[in-house]
């Protein structure tokens, strides 16, 4: 694809969201570039998840969200994949990973059986994230990382134009964060979808994001990652109490982390 012809998967212009008398987002202007990873960072309550909901059409807003439908993307409406921060379900339900896919894909009830077509599609999707061994496992018995892979497989099944990912390493320890970081690199290199990544993890942002949107009810800054992750921009977004430091991970790579103190 010619990046000069197709520069953005979506363009957000003057977007505002109000809930009652409270303005959650105000005059947001942002661009998500084709094939790139864009990180959306900001403090709790900044409106990050609300922005994802607006893109998904799940909340009312004023302004515009324009999706690129370049000929190389195909016609029709854009395909959007979404992986929420919290996936709530009854872990005692005797539902396998294949059953979970079938509920999402086929029309007939799962208790009547899973068609060969659906089984094939599910296994193909799981193979993309190296998770075919989970097909017959109970959904409620999966670890957090395993469930994340299954949700990735389902979200990528229709080859989305853009994938929205909400806080993928929230509550994950350092080792889990490193595993997810390697997984994200592998998946993105294989598929080259556009990714909007909501995260508090500045190390994940520094390692993977091509662009960063700093949000605190409005866009404070958008630009290349190295230009965005400056003490001045981060202080505007998170408050003066943020302190940055670097450390080495288990593989000896330099990583960026943060310490939050005071307001923000």
Protein backbone atom coordinates (compact mmCIF):
# COMPACT_ATOMS: atom_id res chain seq x y z
CA UNK A 1 0.00 0.00 0.00
CA UNK A 2 1.13 3.51 -0.76
CA UNK A 3 1.27 5.31 2.58
CA UNK A 4 0.96 8.64 0.77
CA UNK A 5 -2.44 7.55 -0.54
CA UNK A 6 -3.69 5.92 2.66
CA UNK A 7 -2.23 7.61 5.69
CA UNK A 8 -4.91 7.05 8.34
CA UNK A 9 -7.15 4.13 9.28
CA UNK A 10 -9.37 6.61 11.10
CA UNK A 11 -9.54 10.32 11.71
CA UNK A 12 -11.21 11.82 14.80
CA UNK A 13 -12.26 15.45 14.52
CA UNK A 14 -13.60 17.73 17.27
CA UNK A 15 -15.08 14.80 19.20
CA UNK A 16 -16.81 15.54 22.50
CA UNK A 17 -18.73 13.29 24.90
CA UNK A 18 -20.95 14.44 27.74
CA UNK A 19 -22.58 12.30 30.42
CA UNK A 20 -25.22 14.49 32.01
CA UNK A 21 -23.54 17.74 33.02
CA UNK A 22 -20.04 16.24 32.90
CA UNK A 23 -17.90 16.66 29.78
CA UNK A 24 -15.73 13.54 29.54
CA UNK A 25 -14.05 14.35 26.22
CA UNK A 26 -13.68 17.81 24.76
CA UNK A 27 -12.73 18.66 21.18
CA UNK A 28 -10.59 15.56 20.58
CA UNK A 29 -8.64 15.53 17.31
CA UNK A 30 -6.52 12.45 16.60
CA UNK A 31 -5.37 10.20 13.75
CA UNK A 32 -4.71 6.45 13.77
CA UNK A 33 -2.26 5.62 10.99
CA UNK A 34 -2.55 2.57 8.76
CA UNK A 35 -0.57 -0.44 9.89
CA UNK A 36 0.88 1.38 12.90
CA UNK A 37 0.60 0.86 16.66
CA UNK A 38 -0.79 3.95 18.37
CA UNK A 39 -0.75 4.06 22.17
CA UNK A 40 -3.41 6.04 24.00
CA UNK A 41 -2.13 7.05 27.43
CA UNK A 42 -3.57 9.12 30.25
CA UNK A 43 -4.58 8.95 33.92
CA UNK A 44 -7.63 7.12 35.26
CA UNK A 45 -10.77 9.01 34.32
CA UNK A 46 -9.12 10.76 31.36
CA UNK A 47 -11.71 9.38 28.89
CA UNK A 48 -9.62 6.68 27.19
CA UNK A 49 -12.24 3.91 27.36
CA UNK A 50 -14.94 6.44 26.45
CA UNK A 51 -13.01 7.22 23.26
CA UNK A 52 -12.91 3.51 22.40
CA UNK A 53 -16.66 3.30 23.02
CA UNK A 54 -17.22 6.24 20.67
CA UNK A 55 -15.19 4.52 17.93
CA UNK A 56 -17.23 1.34 18.47
CA UNK A 57 -20.50 3.30 18.30
CA UNK A 58 -21.36 2.39 21.90
CA UNK A 59 -21.70 5.93 23.21
CA UNK A 60 -23.14 9.14 21.81
CA UNK A 61 -20.76 11.90 20.76
CA UNK A 62 -20.57 15.08 18.77
CA UNK A 63 -17.91 15.62 16.11
CA UNK A 64 -16.72 13.17 13.48
CA UNK A 65 -15.05 9.77 13.26
CA UNK A 66 -14.04 9.10 9.66
CA UNK A 67 -12.77 5.66 8.63
CA UNK A 68 -10.41 5.25 5.70
CA UNK A 69 -11.83 2.96 3.03
CA UNK A 70 -8.89 2.97 0.63
CA UNK A 71 -9.27 0.50 -2.26
CA UNK A 72 -6.58 -1.71 -0.71
CA UNK A 73 -8.82 -2.19 2.34
CA UNK A 74 -11.81 -3.34 0.32
CA UNK A 75 -15.27 -1.80 0.21
CA UNK A 76 -18.01 -1.55 2.77
CA UNK A 77 -17.89 -0.70 6.45
CA UNK A 78 -14.62 -0.92 8.36
CA UNK A 79 -13.90 -4.07 10.33
CA UNK A 80 -13.13 -3.29 13.96
CA UNK A 81 -11.74 -5.79 16.47
CA UNK A 82 -12.02 -5.07 20.19
CA UNK A 83 -10.50 -6.68 23.27
CA UNK A 84 -11.89 -5.18 26.50
CA UNK A 85 -9.91 -4.66 29.67
CA UNK A 86 -12.22 -6.96 31.64
CA UNK A 87 -14.02 -9.93 30.10
CA UNK A 88 -16.71 -10.96 32.56
CA UNK A 89 -18.20 -14.45 32.35
CA UNK A 90 -19.24 -17.27 34.67
CA UNK A 91 -16.10 -19.39 35.12
CA UNK A 92 -18.22 -22.32 36.28
CA UNK A 93 -20.07 -22.54 32.96
CA UNK A 94 -19.01 -25.77 31.15
CA UNK A 95 -18.01 -23.88 28.01
CA UNK A 96 -14.96 -24.87 25.97
CA UNK A 97 -12.91 -22.51 23.83
CA UNK A 98 -14.44 -24.10 20.70
CA UNK A 99 -17.93 -23.57 22.16
CA UNK A 100 -17.03 -19.92 22.78
CA UNK A 101 -16.02 -19.48 19.14
CA UNK A 102 -19.14 -21.27 17.93
CA UNK A 103 -21.42 -18.98 19.93
CA UNK A 104 -19.76 -16.04 18.21
CA UNK A 105 -19.77 -17.51 14.68
CA UNK A 106 -22.57 -19.96 13.96
CA UNK A 107 -26.31 -19.33 14.00
CA UNK A 108 -27.53 -22.63 15.36
CA UNK A 109 -27.29 -23.29 19.14
CA UNK A 110 -24.05 -24.88 20.31
CA UNK A 111 -25.92 -27.71 22.06
CA UNK A 112 -26.91 -28.93 18.58
CA UNK A 113 -23.24 -29.31 17.71
CA UNK A 114 -20.44 -27.35 16.10
CA UNK A 115 -20.27 -27.47 12.32
CA UNK A 116 -17.09 -28.54 10.56
CA UNK A 117 -16.84 -25.08 8.99
CA UNK A 118 -16.98 -23.32 12.34
CA UNK A 119 -14.54 -25.78 13.89
CA UNK A 120 -12.13 -25.18 11.02
CA UNK A 121 -12.43 -21.39 11.32
CA UNK A 122 -11.91 -21.54 15.08
CA UNK A 123 -8.81 -23.74 14.82
CA UNK A 124 -7.39 -21.52 12.08
CA UNK A 125 -7.90 -18.43 14.25
CA UNK A 126 -6.35 -20.12 17.29
CA UNK A 127 -3.37 -21.19 15.17
CA UNK A 128 -2.67 -17.53 14.34
CA UNK A 129 -1.99 -16.89 18.03
CA UNK A 130 -0.36 -20.29 18.69
CA UNK A 131 -3.26 -21.47 20.84
CA UNK A 132 -4.77 -24.51 19.08
CA UNK A 133 -3.89 -26.60 22.15
CA UNK A 134 -6.53 -24.64 24.07
CA UNK A 135 -9.44 -25.56 21.77
CA UNK A 136 -10.98 -28.19 24.04
CA UNK A 137 -10.09 -26.52 27.34
CA UNK A 138 -12.80 -25.10 29.58
CA UNK A 139 -12.93 -21.32 29.18
CA UNK A 140 -13.15 -20.87 32.95
CA UNK A 141 -9.95 -22.88 33.51
CA UNK A 142 -7.75 -20.68 31.33
CA UNK A 143 -5.09 -18.47 32.86
CA UNK A 144 -5.23 -14.73 32.24
CA UNK A 145 -2.62 -14.98 29.49
CA UNK A 146 -4.37 -17.93 27.82
CA UNK A 147 -7.73 -16.16 27.86
CA UNK A 148 -6.07 -13.10 26.35
CA UNK A 149 -4.79 -15.20 23.44
CA UNK A 150 -8.25 -16.66 22.86
CA UNK A 151 -9.79 -13.17 22.81
CA UNK A 152 -7.07 -12.06 20.39
CA UNK A 153 -7.85 -15.01 18.12
CA UNK A 154 -11.55 -14.14 18.09
CA UNK A 155 -10.89 -10.44 17.50
CA UNK A 156 -8.54 -11.19 14.57
CA UNK A 157 -10.85 -13.78 12.95
CA UNK A 158 -12.33 -11.31 10.48
CA UNK A 159 -8.98 -9.62 9.72
CA UNK A 160 -9.98 -6.23 11.18
CA UNK A 161 -8.84 -2.93 9.69
CA UNK A 162 -8.20 -1.72 13.23
CA UNK A 163 -7.89 -3.49 16.57
CA UNK A 164 -8.81 -1.68 19.79
CA UNK A 165 -7.02 -3.06 22.84
CA UNK A 166 -7.93 -1.78 26.31
CA UNK A 167 -5.27 -2.14 29.06
CA UNK A 168 -3.90 -5.57 28.03
CA UNK A 169 -1.33 -5.79 30.85
CA UNK A 170 -3.47 -4.41 33.65
CA UNK A 171 -2.81 -6.47 36.78
CA UNK A 172 -0.11 -8.55 35.02
CA UNK A 173 3.29 -9.04 36.68
CA UNK A 174 6.58 -8.13 34.98
CA UNK A 175 7.11 -11.61 33.51
CA UNK A 176 3.56 -11.66 32.15
CA UNK A 177 4.08 -8.21 30.68
CA UNK A 178 7.24 -9.38 28.90
CA UNK A 179 5.41 -12.42 27.47
CA UNK A 180 2.62 -10.19 26.20
CA UNK A 181 5.17 -7.79 24.72
CA UNK A 182 6.75 -10.61 22.68
CA UNK A 183 3.31 -11.89 21.69
CA UNK A 184 2.21 -8.44 20.50
CA UNK A 185 5.36 -8.07 18.37
CA UNK A 186 4.75 -11.45 16.75
CA UNK A 187 1.05 -10.86 16.05
CA UNK A 188 1.52 -7.38 14.64
CA UNK A 189 4.39 -8.43 12.38
CA UNK A 190 2.24 -11.29 11.03
CA UNK A 191 -0.89 -9.23 10.36
CA UNK A 192 0.12 -5.53 10.19
CA UNK A 193 -3.31 -4.36 11.38
CA UNK A 194 -3.73 -0.85 12.75
CA UNK A 195 -3.75 -1.01 16.55
CA UNK A 196 -5.02 1.49 19.08
CA UNK A 197 -3.57 0.40 22.41
CA UNK A 198 -4.90 1.89 25.65
CA UNK A 199 -2.29 1.40 28.34
CA UNK A 200 -0.77 2.74 31.55
CA UNK A 201 2.41 0.78 30.83
CA UNK A 202 4.93 3.30 29.53
CA UNK A 203 7.49 0.54 28.95
CA UNK A 204 5.05 -1.26 26.62
CA UNK A 205 4.40 2.08 24.92
CA UNK A 206 8.09 2.85 24.48
CA UNK A 207 8.84 -0.61 23.07
CA UNK A 208 5.97 -0.99 20.60
CA UNK A 209 4.13 2.22 19.81
CA UNK A 210 4.92 4.12 16.62
CA UNK A 211 2.74 7.02 17.74
CA UNK A 212 1.37 8.17 21.10
CA UNK A 213 -1.77 10.12 21.94
CA UNK A 214 -1.57 11.79 25.36
CA UNK A 215 -5.14 12.26 26.58
CA UNK A 216 -6.62 13.99 29.61
CA UNK A 217 -10.19 14.81 28.53
CA UNK A 218 -8.60 16.49 25.53
CA UNK A 219 -5.53 15.64 23.45
CA UNK A 220 -2.47 17.09 25.19
CA UNK A 221 -0.04 15.85 22.57
CA UNK A 222 0.09 13.45 19.61
CA UNK A 223 3.22 12.44 17.79
CA UNK A 224 6.02 9.94 17.43
CA UNK A 225 6.73 7.99 20.60
CA UNK A 226 10.13 9.53 21.33
CA UNK A 227 8.62 13.02 20.95
CA UNK A 228 5.58 12.22 23.10
CA UNK A 229 7.21 10.53 26.11
CA UNK A 230 8.94 13.61 27.46
CA UNK A 231 8.84 14.73 31.09
CA UNK A 232 6.99 17.91 30.03
CA UNK A 233 4.20 16.08 28.15
CA UNK A 234 3.83 13.40 30.84
CA UNK A 235 3.61 16.05 33.56
CA UNK A 236 0.75 17.72 31.64
CA UNK A 237 -1.07 14.41 31.31
CA UNK A 238 -0.42 12.72 34.67
CA UNK A 239 0.45 15.66 36.90
CA UNK A 240 3.72 16.83 38.40
CA UNK A 241 4.05 13.74 40.61
CA UNK A 242 5.23 11.39 37.87
CA UNK A 243 8.89 10.35 37.97
CA UNK A 244 10.53 8.41 35.16
CA UNK A 245 13.31 5.89 35.56
CA UNK A 246 14.92 3.16 33.47
CA UNK A 247 15.82 -0.39 34.41
CA UNK A 248 16.90 -3.60 32.67
CA UNK A 249 14.50 -6.49 32.20
CA UNK A 250 15.38 -10.17 32.51
CA UNK A 251 16.93 -10.12 29.03
CA UNK A 252 19.11 -7.13 29.79
CA UNK A 253 17.06 -4.76 27.63
CA UNK A 254 16.55 -1.21 28.79
CA UNK A 255 12.96 -0.55 29.74
CA UNK A 256 11.06 2.58 30.64
CA UNK A 257 8.86 2.62 33.72
CA UNK A 258 7.18 5.16 35.90
CA UNK A 259 6.36 6.02 39.48
CA UNK A 260 3.20 7.92 40.33
CA UNK A 261 3.13 10.17 43.35
CA UNK A 262 0.90 13.06 44.28
CA UNK A 263 -2.02 13.98 42.04
CA UNK A 264 -2.80 12.48 38.65
